[in-house]
């Protein structure tokens, strides 16, 4: 596909520009399952703040219920619920006194997001691709991520933040892709119409469907070379990694 006269390219963040590596998180066991999580990093903070009232099993049970509520709300209403709000709801569920909820939730958010940031990076070939794209197009970014501050910090960590005219994190909007307003907000910030941009992302529902709802052309990153789901308008471009995009656009 030629560039079709695009004036800008809007990228997704996670698994498009950057990759986070959960294998670098601590291993933990809960209810007979073993998995990687930031929870072991949070437990000392909770024990220090709550003393003998802190029970790891109760915290994990409460957090699991809160996750279910948040995932359901996201799927139903296409809204974003912040990391901070998630911790507040969890602390409420385990009976933490109201005066402690907000400051403790902030400590948990900071510890959790610090570790997420530490295990997140942009591979060099993707950074090179963005630099090539920037020679020909304006750049924007639209990410579903539940912590705005960390989203912007991760962008700065890439070393190419200055190449982007616009960076939009869903936690700032209270809306998530595929909500049309998330895309409209980003287009408005760029001052461009849908047909003037190409959106690049890895998820069929949030990225491809969301962009297509707005009449935006899409480059879908199909890392695992899976068939595109039925019932969604197909993307114009399919690639295995962002690093392939400049060649596909002839730049």
Protein backbone atom coordinates (compact mmCIF):
# COMPACT_ATOMS: atom_id res chain seq x y z
CA UNK A 1 0.00 0.00 0.00
CA UNK A 2 1.29 3.48 -0.84
CA UNK A 3 1.06 6.16 1.82
CA UNK A 4 -2.33 7.33 0.44
CA UNK A 5 -1.45 10.93 1.18
CA UNK A 6 -1.30 10.51 4.94
CA UNK A 7 -0.16 13.56 6.86
CA UNK A 8 0.35 11.80 10.20
CA UNK A 9 0.76 8.38 11.78
CA UNK A 10 -0.76 7.64 15.18
CA UNK A 11 0.79 4.78 17.13
CA UNK A 12 -0.45 2.58 19.93
CA UNK A 13 2.05 2.27 22.81
CA UNK A 14 2.23 -1.22 24.36
CA UNK A 15 3.17 -4.06 22.01
CA UNK A 16 3.40 -1.52 19.20
CA UNK A 17 6.13 0.94 20.20
CA UNK A 18 7.19 -0.54 23.55
CA UNK A 19 7.08 -4.02 25.08
CA UNK A 20 6.78 -4.80 28.75
CA UNK A 21 8.42 -7.99 30.00
CA UNK A 22 6.45 -9.64 32.84
CA UNK A 23 9.16 -12.31 33.12
CA UNK A 24 11.17 -9.70 35.03
CA UNK A 25 8.49 -9.33 37.72
CA UNK A 26 8.60 -11.34 40.97
CA UNK A 27 6.99 -14.78 41.02
CA UNK A 28 4.18 -15.35 43.49
CA UNK A 29 1.65 -18.03 44.43
CA UNK A 30 -2.04 -17.40 45.08
CA UNK A 31 -4.94 -19.85 45.28
CA UNK A 32 -2.84 -22.63 43.81
CA UNK A 33 -1.56 -20.56 40.89
CA UNK A 34 1.95 -19.29 40.24
CA UNK A 35 2.43 -16.15 38.19
CA UNK A 36 4.48 -12.97 37.81
CA UNK A 37 3.16 -9.91 39.60
CA UNK A 38 4.11 -6.65 41.28
CA UNK A 39 2.12 -7.76 44.35
CA UNK A 40 5.21 -8.99 46.30
CA UNK A 41 6.60 -5.47 45.94
CA UNK A 42 3.40 -4.03 47.39
CA UNK A 43 3.09 -6.36 50.38
CA UNK A 44 5.81 -4.68 52.50
CA UNK A 45 4.11 -1.30 52.00
CA UNK A 46 0.78 -2.74 53.08
CA UNK A 47 2.33 -4.52 56.07
CA UNK A 48 4.06 -1.32 57.19
CA UNK A 49 0.86 0.72 56.88
CA UNK A 50 -1.68 -1.78 58.20
CA UNK A 51 0.36 -3.87 60.61
CA UNK A 52 -1.30 -7.06 61.79
CA UNK A 53 -4.48 -6.11 59.93
CA UNK A 54 -2.78 -6.87 56.61
CA UNK A 55 -3.57 -10.27 55.17
CA UNK A 56 -2.05 -11.00 51.73
CA UNK A 57 -4.76 -13.48 50.78
CA UNK A 58 -7.54 -11.02 51.58
CA UNK A 59 -5.78 -8.29 49.61
CA UNK A 60 -5.33 -10.51 46.56
CA UNK A 61 -8.94 -11.73 46.76
CA UNK A 62 -10.19 -8.14 46.94
CA UNK A 63 -7.94 -7.04 44.10
CA UNK A 64 -9.19 -9.93 41.97
CA UNK A 65 -12.81 -8.83 42.49
CA UNK A 66 -11.93 -5.22 41.67
CA UNK A 67 -10.15 -6.30 38.50
CA UNK A 68 -13.28 -8.18 37.42
CA UNK A 69 -15.43 -5.08 38.00
CA UNK A 70 -13.03 -2.85 36.10
CA UNK A 71 -12.63 -5.20 33.14
CA UNK A 72 -16.42 -5.50 32.87
CA UNK A 73 -16.87 -1.72 32.97
CA UNK A 74 -14.16 -1.22 30.36
CA UNK A 75 -15.73 -3.74 28.01
CA UNK A 76 -19.26 -2.43 28.55
CA UNK A 77 -18.69 1.32 28.52
CA UNK A 78 -15.25 1.74 26.88
CA UNK A 79 -14.12 3.82 29.83
CA UNK A 80 -10.78 3.98 31.61
CA UNK A 81 -10.50 3.41 35.34
CA UNK A 82 -7.16 4.49 36.72
CA UNK A 83 -4.60 2.43 38.57
CA UNK A 84 -5.07 4.74 41.55
CA UNK A 85 -8.81 4.12 41.56
CA UNK A 86 -8.19 0.38 41.37
CA UNK A 87 -6.06 0.46 44.50
CA UNK A 88 -8.57 2.67 46.30
CA UNK A 89 -11.38 0.22 45.58
CA UNK A 90 -9.24 -2.69 46.75
CA UNK A 91 -8.33 -0.95 50.01
CA UNK A 92 -11.99 -0.11 50.60
CA UNK A 93 -12.87 -3.78 50.15
CA UNK A 94 -10.42 -4.92 52.82
CA UNK A 95 -11.76 -2.35 55.29
CA UNK A 96 -8.96 0.24 55.38
CA UNK A 97 -10.15 3.36 57.16
CA UNK A 98 -11.16 6.14 54.74
CA UNK A 99 -8.47 8.57 55.86
CA UNK A 100 -5.73 6.11 54.88
CA UNK A 101 -7.15 4.97 51.54
CA UNK A 102 -5.97 7.78 49.26
CA UNK A 103 -2.39 8.15 50.57
CA UNK A 104 -1.87 4.39 50.74
CA UNK A 105 -3.31 3.91 47.25
CA UNK A 106 -0.83 6.50 45.98
CA UNK A 107 2.10 4.65 47.54
CA UNK A 108 0.92 1.40 45.95
CA UNK A 109 0.42 3.09 42.57
CA UNK A 110 3.90 4.55 42.64
CA UNK A 111 5.56 1.24 43.62
CA UNK A 112 3.56 -0.75 41.06
CA UNK A 113 4.10 1.69 38.21
CA UNK A 114 7.79 2.14 38.98
CA UNK A 115 8.27 -1.58 38.44
CA UNK A 116 6.10 -1.63 35.30
CA UNK A 117 8.20 1.19 33.89
CA UNK A 118 11.43 -0.64 34.74
CA UNK A 119 10.41 -3.72 32.73
CA UNK A 120 9.17 -1.75 29.72
CA UNK A 121 11.35 -0.71 26.77
CA UNK A 122 11.25 0.08 23.07
CA UNK A 123 13.35 -2.26 20.88
CA UNK A 124 15.95 -0.46 18.79
CA UNK A 125 14.44 -1.47 15.40
CA UNK A 126 11.14 0.16 16.38
CA UNK A 127 12.91 3.35 17.43
CA UNK A 128 14.72 3.42 14.10
CA UNK A 129 11.40 2.92 12.31
CA UNK A 130 9.84 5.85 14.14
CA UNK A 131 12.76 8.08 13.18
CA UNK A 132 12.29 7.09 9.54
CA UNK A 133 8.57 7.73 9.70
CA UNK A 134 9.15 11.13 11.30
CA UNK A 135 11.03 12.30 8.21
CA UNK A 136 7.80 12.00 6.21
CA UNK A 137 4.89 12.27 8.66
CA UNK A 138 3.76 14.01 11.80
CA UNK A 139 3.47 11.57 14.68
CA UNK A 140 0.91 11.02 17.41
CA UNK A 141 0.32 8.37 20.05
CA UNK A 142 -2.90 7.02 21.57
CA UNK A 143 -2.57 4.44 24.34
CA UNK A 144 -4.92 2.46 26.54
CA UNK A 145 -3.05 2.72 29.83
CA UNK A 146 -4.42 3.28 33.30
CA UNK A 147 -1.76 5.66 34.61
CA UNK A 148 -1.17 8.89 32.71
CA UNK A 149 2.01 9.94 34.50
CA UNK A 150 3.71 6.61 33.87
CA UNK A 151 2.54 6.52 30.27
CA UNK A 152 4.25 9.84 29.62
CA UNK A 153 7.35 8.72 31.53
CA UNK A 154 7.60 5.59 29.40
CA UNK A 155 7.39 7.74 26.30
CA UNK A 156 10.25 9.90 27.57
CA UNK A 157 12.23 6.74 28.37
CA UNK A 158 12.16 5.81 24.68
CA UNK A 159 14.33 8.83 23.87
CA UNK A 160 12.09 9.84 20.96
CA UNK A 161 9.27 11.67 22.76
CA UNK A 162 10.21 14.92 21.03
CA UNK A 163 9.29 13.38 17.66
CA UNK A 164 5.61 13.19 18.66
CA UNK A 165 3.28 16.15 18.29
CA UNK A 166 0.61 14.54 20.46
CA UNK A 167 0.66 11.86 23.19
CA UNK A 168 -2.73 10.80 24.58
CA UNK A 169 -3.07 8.31 27.46
CA UNK A 170 -6.54 6.90 28.17
CA UNK A 171 -6.27 7.63 31.89
CA UNK A 172 -6.28 11.34 31.02
CA UNK A 173 -9.53 11.06 29.05
CA UNK A 174 -11.44 8.55 31.15
CA UNK A 175 -12.11 6.74 27.85
CA UNK A 176 -10.40 3.80 26.19
CA UNK A 177 -10.07 2.65 22.62
CA UNK A 178 -12.23 1.65 20.80
CA UNK A 179 -14.36 4.58 22.03
CA UNK A 180 -14.69 7.03 19.11
CA UNK A 181 -14.00 10.02 21.35
CA UNK A 182 -10.52 8.72 22.17
CA UNK A 183 -9.67 8.79 18.47
CA UNK A 184 -11.50 12.07 17.87
CA UNK A 185 -9.59 13.73 20.69
CA UNK A 186 -6.29 12.66 19.14
CA UNK A 187 -7.32 13.79 15.66
CA UNK A 188 -8.43 17.16 17.03
CA UNK A 189 -5.11 17.58 18.84
CA UNK A 190 -3.33 16.99 15.53
CA UNK A 191 -5.78 19.19 13.65
CA UNK A 192 -6.37 16.48 11.06
CA UNK A 193 -9.30 14.59 9.54
CA UNK A 194 -9.63 10.78 9.73
CA UNK A 195 -8.59 10.21 6.12
CA UNK A 196 -5.35 12.12 6.72
CA UNK A 197 -3.89 9.69 9.27
CA UNK A 198 -2.83 6.06 9.56
CA UNK A 199 -3.35 4.34 12.91
CA UNK A 200 -0.93 1.58 13.93
CA UNK A 201 -1.81 -0.93 16.64
CA UNK A 202 -1.78 -4.60 17.59
CA UNK A 203 -5.30 -5.35 18.87
CA UNK A 204 -8.15 -6.12 16.46
CA UNK A 205 -10.88 -4.78 18.75
CA UNK A 206 -9.39 -1.75 20.46
CA UNK A 207 -7.09 -0.60 17.66
CA UNK A 208 -8.50 -1.78 14.35
CA UNK A 209 -12.21 -1.59 15.19
CA UNK A 210 -11.76 1.68 17.05
CA UNK A 211 -9.94 3.37 14.20
CA UNK A 212 -12.30 1.97 11.58
CA UNK A 213 -15.28 3.39 13.46
CA UNK A 214 -13.77 6.81 12.77
CA UNK A 215 -12.94 6.16 9.13
CA UNK A 216 -9.20 5.90 9.82
CA UNK A 217 -6.93 3.62 7.80
CA UNK A 218 -5.11 1.03 9.93
CA UNK A 219 -1.84 -0.87 9.97
CA UNK A 220 -2.40 -3.95 12.14
CA UNK A 221 0.59 -5.51 13.89
CA UNK A 222 0.03 -9.26 13.75
CA UNK A 223 3.03 -10.50 15.71
CA UNK A 224 1.84 -14.10 15.85
CA UNK A 225 0.51 -14.22 12.27
CA UNK A 226 -3.01 -15.16 13.32
CA UNK A 227 -6.06 -14.87 11.04
CA UNK A 228 -7.85 -11.55 11.41
CA UNK A 229 -11.10 -11.96 13.40
CA UNK A 230 -14.36 -12.10 11.51
CA UNK A 231 -16.91 -9.34 11.98
CA UNK A 232 -14.40 -6.47 11.98
CA UNK A 233 -13.48 -4.46 8.89
CA UNK A 234 -10.01 -5.60 7.88
CA UNK A 235 -7.01 -3.27 8.16
CA UNK A 236 -5.38 -1.87 5.04
CA UNK A 237 -1.91 -3.00 6.11
CA UNK A 238 -0.76 -6.07 8.05
CA UNK A 239 2.77 -6.26 9.44
CA UNK A 240 4.59 -8.39 11.99
CA UNK A 241 6.25 -5.48 13.78
CA UNK A 242 6.39 -1.71 13.70
CA UNK A 243 9.90 -2.00 12.28
CA UNK A 244 8.38 -3.18 8.98
CA UNK A 245 6.15 -0.13 8.47
CA UNK A 246 8.58 2.34 6.84
CA UNK A 247 9.34 -0.10 4.04
CA UNK A 248 5.62 -0.79 3.52
CA UNK A 249 5.01 2.94 3.17
CA UNK A 250 8.04 3.46 0.96
CA UNK A 251 9.93 5.73 3.30
